[in-house]
Protein backbone atom coordinates (compact mmCIF):
# COMPACT_ATOMS: atom_id res chain seq x y z
CA UNK A 1 -8.57 -17.41 14.05
CA UNK A 2 -7.07 -15.58 17.04
CA UNK A 3 -3.66 -15.53 15.35
CA UNK A 4 -5.22 -14.10 12.18
CA UNK A 5 -7.05 -11.36 14.06
CA UNK A 6 -3.94 -10.45 16.04
CA UNK A 7 -1.83 -10.07 12.90
CA UNK A 8 -4.60 -8.14 11.13
CA UNK A 9 -4.86 -5.79 14.12
CA UNK A 10 -1.11 -5.22 14.08
CA UNK A 11 -1.29 -4.40 10.38
CA UNK A 12 -4.02 -1.84 10.98
CA UNK A 13 -1.97 -0.24 13.74
CA UNK A 14 1.14 -0.07 11.54
CA UNK A 15 -0.75 1.56 8.68
CA UNK A 16 -2.32 4.10 11.01
CA UNK A 17 1.20 5.25 11.86
CA UNK A 18 2.51 5.03 8.29
CA UNK A 19 2.97 8.48 6.76
CA UNK A 20 3.53 7.06 3.27
CA UNK A 21 0.13 5.39 3.37
CA UNK A 22 -1.51 8.68 4.39
CA UNK A 23 0.26 10.47 1.54
CA UNK A 24 -0.85 7.88 -1.03
CA UNK A 25 -4.49 8.01 0.05
CA UNK A 26 -4.45 11.81 0.16
CA UNK A 27 -3.04 11.83 -3.36
CA UNK A 28 -5.81 9.51 -4.60
CA UNK A 29 -8.40 11.78 -2.99
CA UNK A 30 -6.96 14.91 -4.58
CA UNK A 31 -6.74 13.44 -8.09
CA UNK A 32 -10.33 12.21 -7.76
CA UNK A 33 -11.49 15.74 -6.95
CA UNK A 34 -9.44 17.14 -9.82
CA UNK A 35 -10.91 14.62 -12.26
CA UNK A 36 -14.46 15.62 -11.30
CA UNK A 37 -13.56 19.29 -11.68
CA UNK A 38 -12.06 18.66 -15.13
CA UNK A 39 -15.16 16.74 -16.20
CA UNK A 40 -17.41 19.55 -14.95
CA UNK A 41 -15.39 22.17 -16.85
CA UNK A 42 -15.56 20.07 -20.00
CA UNK A 43 -19.36 19.77 -19.73
CA UNK A 44 -19.73 23.52 -19.19
CA UNK A 45 -17.63 24.16 -22.29
CA UNK A 46 -19.99 21.88 -24.23
CA UNK A 47 -22.96 23.89 -22.94
CA UNK A 48 -21.28 27.17 -23.91
CA UNK A 49 -20.54 25.83 -27.38
CA UNK A 50 -24.14 24.67 -27.71
CA UNK A 51 -25.53 28.04 -26.64
CA UNK A 52 -23.27 29.80 -29.13
CA UNK A 53 -24.40 27.46 -31.89
CA UNK A 54 -28.08 28.02 -31.04
CA UNK A 55 -27.54 31.78 -31.03
CA UNK A 56 -25.95 31.59 -34.49
CA UNK A 57 -28.86 29.51 -35.77
CA UNK A 58 -31.36 32.00 -34.40
CA UNK A 59 -29.49 34.91 -35.96
CA UNK A 60 -29.40 33.24 -39.36
CA UNK A 61 -33.00 32.06 -39.13
CA UNK A 62 -32.07 28.64 -40.44
CA UNK A 63 -32.17 25.14 -39.05
CA UNK A 64 -33.62 23.53 -35.98
CA UNK A 65 -31.52 23.52 -32.83
CA UNK A 66 -30.36 20.06 -31.69
CA UNK A 67 -31.02 18.78 -28.20
CA UNK A 68 -28.82 20.46 -25.57
CA UNK A 69 -26.04 18.54 -23.82
CA UNK A 70 -27.34 16.62 -20.83
CA UNK A 71 -25.38 16.16 -17.64
CA UNK A 72 -25.24 12.62 -16.31
CA UNK A 73 -23.50 13.12 -12.94
CA UNK A 74 -21.84 9.71 -12.64
CA UNK A 75 -20.06 10.23 -15.95
CA UNK A 76 -17.97 12.87 -14.19
CA UNK A 77 -16.27 10.02 -12.33
CA UNK A 78 -14.56 8.63 -15.42
CA UNK A 79 -11.22 10.19 -14.56
CA UNK A 80 -11.45 8.99 -10.97
CA UNK A 81 -12.05 5.40 -12.07
CA UNK A 82 -9.09 5.58 -14.45
CA UNK A 83 -6.88 6.86 -11.67
CA UNK A 84 -8.02 4.02 -9.42
CA UNK A 85 -7.37 1.34 -12.01
CA UNK A 86 -3.82 2.64 -12.62
CA UNK A 87 -2.61 4.40 -9.48
CA UNK A 88 -4.82 2.39 -7.13
CA UNK A 89 -3.29 -0.85 -8.43
CA UNK A 90 0.20 0.61 -8.03
CA UNK A 91 -0.48 1.72 -4.45
CA UNK A 92 -1.95 -1.71 -3.66
CA UNK A 93 1.28 -3.33 -4.88
CA UNK A 94 3.36 -0.98 -2.73
CA UNK A 95 1.31 -1.83 0.36
CA UNK A 96 1.35 -5.56 -0.35
CA UNK A 97 5.10 -5.51 -0.76
CA UNK A 98 5.58 -3.33 2.30
CA UNK A 99 3.59 -5.57 4.61
CA UNK A 100 6.17 -8.37 4.14
CA UNK A 101 9.25 -6.21 3.66
CA UNK A 102 8.81 -4.21 6.86
CA UNK A 103 8.77 -7.35 9.01
CA UNK A 104 12.07 -8.48 7.51
CA UNK A 105 13.70 -5.07 7.74
CA UNK A 106 12.66 -4.62 11.38
CA UNK A 107 13.65 -8.13 12.37
CA UNK A 108 10.18 -8.84 13.74
CA UNK A 109 9.69 -11.72 11.32
CA UNK A 110 12.16 -13.90 13.24
CA UNK A 111 10.21 -13.23 16.43
CA UNK A 112 6.98 -14.22 14.72
CA UNK A 113 8.50 -17.45 13.44
CA UNK A 114 9.38 -18.51 16.98
CA UNK A 115 5.71 -18.48 17.99
CA UNK A 116 3.44 -21.54 17.60
CA UNK A 117 0.96 -19.90 15.23
CA UNK A 118 -1.14 -21.39 12.47
CA UNK A 119 0.71 -22.17 9.24
CA UNK A 120 -1.28 -19.69 7.15
CA UNK A 121 -2.01 -17.10 9.83
CA UNK A 122 0.72 -14.68 8.78
CA UNK A 123 -0.43 -14.09 5.20
CA UNK A 124 -4.11 -14.41 6.07
CA UNK A 125 -3.82 -11.80 8.81
CA UNK A 126 -1.83 -9.44 6.63
CA UNK A 127 -4.28 -9.65 3.73
CA UNK A 128 -7.29 -9.39 6.05
CA UNK A 129 -5.86 -6.23 7.60
CA UNK A 130 -5.06 -4.66 4.25
CA UNK A 131 -8.47 -5.65 2.88
CA UNK A 132 -10.17 -3.84 5.75
CA UNK A 133 -8.00 -0.80 5.12
CA UNK A 134 -8.89 -0.81 1.43
CA UNK A 135 -12.57 -1.08 2.33
CA UNK A 136 -12.33 2.07 4.43
CA UNK A 137 -10.36 3.85 1.70
CA UNK A 138 -12.87 2.91 -1.01
CA UNK A 139 -15.80 4.10 1.10
CA UNK A 140 -13.95 7.36 1.72
CA UNK A 141 -13.21 7.87 -1.97
CA UNK A 142 -16.78 7.09 -2.99
CA UNK A 143 -18.08 9.54 -0.40
CA UNK A 144 -15.70 12.22 -1.62
CA UNK A 145 -16.67 11.48 -5.24
CA UNK A 146 -20.37 11.80 -4.48
CA UNK A 147 -19.89 15.12 -2.70
CA UNK A 148 -17.66 16.38 -5.52
CA UNK A 149 -20.24 15.45 -8.18
CA UNK A 150 -22.90 17.42 -6.33
CA UNK A 151 -20.83 20.45 -5.29
CA UNK A 152 -18.19 20.78 -8.01
CA UNK A 153 -20.02 19.10 -10.86
CA UNK A 154 -23.43 20.56 -10.07
CA UNK A 155 -25.17 17.23 -10.60
CA UNK A 156 -28.11 15.75 -8.74
CA UNK A 157 -27.41 12.27 -7.39
CA UNK A 158 -30.44 9.99 -7.12
CA UNK A 159 -30.97 6.86 -5.07
CA UNK A 160 -30.32 4.76 -8.17
CA UNK A 161 -27.03 6.61 -8.68
CA UNK A 162 -26.03 5.81 -5.12
CA UNK A 163 -26.86 2.17 -5.78
CA UNK A 164 -24.61 2.19 -8.84
CA UNK A 165 -21.83 3.80 -6.82
CA UNK A 166 -22.21 1.19 -4.10
CA UNK A 167 -21.85 -1.68 -6.56
CA UNK A 168 -18.84 -0.04 -8.20
CA UNK A 169 -17.29 0.47 -4.75
CA UNK A 170 -17.49 -3.29 -4.14
CA UNK A 171 -15.61 -4.05 -7.34
CA UNK A 172 -13.06 -1.30 -6.71
CA UNK A 173 -12.34 -2.99 -3.38
CA UNK A 174 -12.08 -6.42 -5.04
CA UNK A 175 -9.69 -5.00 -7.66
CA UNK A 176 -7.40 -3.41 -5.06
CA UNK A 177 -7.34 -6.57 -2.92
CA UNK A 178 -6.28 -8.52 -6.02
CA UNK A 179 -3.16 -6.41 -6.53
CA UNK A 180 -2.34 -6.44 -2.82
CA UNK A 181 -2.51 -10.24 -2.75
CA UNK A 182 -0.36 -10.54 -5.87
CA UNK A 183 2.31 -8.35 -4.29
CA UNK A 184 2.25 -10.32 -1.03
CA UNK A 185 2.69 -13.62 -2.90
CA UNK A 186 5.53 -12.40 -5.11
CA UNK A 187 7.38 -10.78 -2.22
CA UNK A 188 7.19 -14.01 -0.23
CA UNK A 189 8.30 -16.22 -3.11
CA UNK A 190 11.25 -14.30 -4.53
CA UNK A 191 14.76 -14.69 -3.14
CA UNK A 192 15.18 -10.95 -2.59
CA UNK A 193 12.65 -8.39 -1.49
CA UNK A 194 13.57 -6.04 -4.33
CA UNK A 195 13.01 -8.83 -6.86
CA UNK A 196 9.47 -9.38 -5.65
CA UNK A 197 8.67 -5.69 -6.01
CA UNK A 198 10.24 -5.51 -9.46
CA UNK A 199 8.28 -8.55 -10.71
CA UNK A 200 5.04 -7.09 -9.35
CA UNK A 201 5.74 -3.76 -11.05
CA UNK A 202 6.50 -5.49 -14.36
CA UNK A 203 3.17 -7.33 -14.16
CA UNK A 204 1.44 -4.03 -13.31
CA UNK A 205 3.14 -2.29 -16.24
CA UNK A 206 2.16 -5.02 -18.69
CA UNK A 207 -1.44 -5.67 -17.63
CA UNK A 208 -2.47 -2.22 -16.41
CA UNK A 209 -0.70 0.11 -18.84
CA UNK A 210 0.66 -1.66 -21.93
CA UNK A 211 -1.96 -4.25 -22.90
CA UNK A 212 -5.05 -2.03 -22.38
CA UNK A 213 -3.36 0.82 -24.22
CA UNK A 214 -2.46 -1.42 -27.16
CA UNK A 215 -6.05 -2.65 -27.33
CA UNK A 216 -7.42 0.90 -27.25
CA UNK A 217 -5.00 1.96 -29.97
CA UNK A 218 -6.08 -0.93 -32.19
CA UNK A 219 -9.69 0.30 -31.97
CA UNK A 220 -10.10 2.93 -34.74
CA UNK A 221 -13.23 4.31 -33.08
CA UNK A 222 -11.09 5.46 -30.14
CA UNK A 223 -8.80 7.61 -32.26
CA UNK A 224 -11.30 10.44 -32.76
CA UNK A 225 -12.99 12.33 -29.90
CA UNK A 226 -16.59 11.16 -29.68
CA UNK A 227 -15.85 8.16 -31.88
CA UNK A 228 -14.78 7.79 -35.51
CA UNK A 229 -18.16 6.56 -36.71
CA UNK A 230 -19.97 9.41 -34.98
CA UNK A 231 -17.59 11.95 -36.51
CA UNK A 232 -18.28 10.50 -39.96
CA UNK A 233 -22.03 10.47 -39.23
CA UNK A 234 -22.27 6.76 -39.93
CA UNK A 235 -25.49 5.12 -38.76
CA UNK A 236 -25.37 2.26 -36.27
CA UNK A 237 -26.51 -0.32 -38.82
CA UNK A 238 -23.81 0.78 -41.26
CA UNK A 239 -21.26 0.79 -38.44
CA UNK A 240 -22.04 -2.84 -37.68
CA UNK A 241 -21.75 -3.71 -41.36
CA UNK A 242 -18.29 -2.12 -41.52
CA UNK A 243 -17.12 -3.85 -38.36
CA UNK A 244 -18.35 -7.20 -39.71
CA UNK A 245 -15.70 -6.93 -42.42
CA UNK A 246 -13.00 -6.78 -39.72
CA UNK A 247 -14.38 -9.40 -37.35
CA UNK A 248 -11.05 -11.26 -37.15
CA UNK A 249 -9.09 -8.11 -36.35
CA UNK A 250 -11.63 -6.99 -33.76
CA UNK A 251 -11.56 -10.45 -32.17
CA UNK A 252 -7.79 -10.21 -31.73
CA UNK A 253 -8.06 -6.67 -30.36
CA UNK A 254 -10.78 -7.60 -27.89
CA UNK A 255 -8.94 -10.78 -26.86
CA UNK A 256 -5.84 -8.73 -26.12
CA UNK A 257 -7.81 -6.27 -24.03
CA UNK A 258 -9.67 -8.85 -21.93
CA UNK A 259 -6.40 -10.63 -21.11
CA UNK A 260 -5.94 -7.74 -18.69
CA UNK A 261 -7.94 -7.83 -15.47
CA UNK A 262 -7.80 -4.04 -15.47
CA UNK A 263 -9.90 -3.99 -18.63
CA UNK A 264 -12.50 -6.21 -16.96
CA UNK A 265 -12.68 -3.77 -14.07
CA UNK A 266 -12.87 -0.78 -16.42
CA UNK A 267 -15.66 -2.19 -18.57
CA UNK A 268 -17.65 -3.22 -15.53
CA UNK A 269 -17.34 0.14 -13.74
CA UNK A 270 -17.86 2.21 -16.91
CA UNK A 271 -21.08 0.31 -17.65
CA UNK A 272 -22.45 0.69 -14.11
CA UNK A 273 -21.66 4.41 -13.99
CA UNK A 274 -23.14 5.04 -17.44
CA UNK A 275 -19.80 6.24 -18.80
CA UNK A 276 -20.33 3.75 -21.62
CA UNK A 277 -23.23 5.34 -23.51
CA UNK A 278 -24.72 1.96 -24.36
CA UNK A 279 -25.52 1.34 -20.68
CA UNK A 280 -26.28 4.90 -19.61
CA UNK A 281 -29.61 5.13 -17.74
CA UNK A 282 -30.23 1.42 -18.18
CA UNK A 283 -31.71 -0.49 -15.20
CA UNK A 284 -29.06 -1.84 -12.86
CA UNK A 285 -30.15 -5.51 -13.20
CA UNK A 286 -29.80 -5.31 -17.00
CA UNK A 287 -26.35 -3.77 -16.75
CA UNK A 288 -25.23 -6.38 -14.22
CA UNK A 289 -26.52 -9.16 -16.43
CA UNK A 290 -24.57 -7.83 -19.39
CA UNK A 291 -21.43 -7.36 -17.27
CA UNK A 292 -21.72 -10.66 -15.40
CA UNK A 293 -18.73 -12.31 -17.16
CA UNK A 294 -16.47 -9.42 -16.13
CA UNK A 295 -17.77 -9.49 -12.56
CA UNK A 296 -17.17 -13.25 -12.30
CA UNK A 297 -13.67 -12.98 -13.76
CA UNK A 298 -12.69 -10.13 -11.44
CA UNK A 299 -14.03 -11.91 -8.36
CA UNK A 300 -12.52 -15.29 -9.28
CA UNK A 301 -9.12 -13.75 -10.04
CA UNK A 302 -9.09 -11.99 -6.66
CA UNK A 303 -10.01 -15.15 -4.78
CA UNK A 304 -7.30 -17.04 -6.65
CA UNK A 305 -4.74 -14.33 -5.85
CA UNK A 306 -5.63 -14.41 -2.14
CA UNK A 307 -5.40 -18.23 -2.01
CA UNK A 308 -2.09 -18.08 -3.87
CA UNK A 309 -0.70 -15.47 -1.46
CA UNK A 310 -1.78 -17.44 1.62
CA UNK A 311 -0.38 -20.69 0.22
CA UNK A 312 2.90 -19.08 -0.82
CA UNK A 313 3.55 -17.16 2.39
CA UNK A 314 4.29 -20.00 4.80
CA UNK A 315 6.77 -20.48 7.62
CA UNK A 316 9.00 -22.48 5.28
CA UNK A 317 9.15 -19.86 2.54
CA UNK A 318 9.65 -17.03 5.02
CA UNK A 319 12.49 -18.87 6.73
CA UNK A 320 14.09 -19.63 3.39
CA UNK A 321 14.19 -15.94 2.60
CA UNK A 322 16.20 -15.29 5.72
CA UNK A 323 19.09 -17.56 4.76
């Protein structure tokens, strides 16, 4: 335990001095603020369009005005969540790779290997340190997001909203730790440092960008803003009847999407934040119950990745990389 804490403390000290890490976190913070601002501008444009439509109706003396657009503050965080699932995963890979690579480049790994430390202390300490760093980063980003929603977005955040944000923050942290652990394991196992980074980036490209995008493209309802069925004014019952005719196709599309852990994280966070209209303003326990399979998968995958990283990063594998 002492060895683990010592290595974790060293990792925290290294990251505090790392300018690249500061740049990456600053970038995530800025894009989160920008995403909230873009969402706020989009909502205001909807309100302006609604007011213009109501004015035209009043001038013509015909029709009954529809309900005005309603601002749900947490929906402004959609862009921020998307940035986290893509860029956050990429940054986690960079940090996971760097935590092993820097020891080899500096020559400090050989010094570590001469010490009588626990077999799994090196990887455990590294991941523990990075996990603590990600916890601080996630809390910072959620705090910034909350302030941005209130100040930039003009929304009122309730206690329930804060509860939703807190739960989402937990799963954001779990998601980032997953990618960090994957990078640590691959960097330790591959013969060259560059190979480990390349393999991790290929996995990121496939499961964060390509597979989710293919699944979204296969969904016809995603090809029209607001949804294809809504644009065609098709009722929900008729929509279900149409989809029933393509059950096989939709099963393949959904199976492709859920093969990506990123999609599990997205569906879970979108439901909790009310970005998915089906779960908007629903009680938190009901949303969590519906999203339980995604929560279990995300948590289990992260635990497996951490165990894999710790098991792979041993004295033997690290020494083998030095020959």
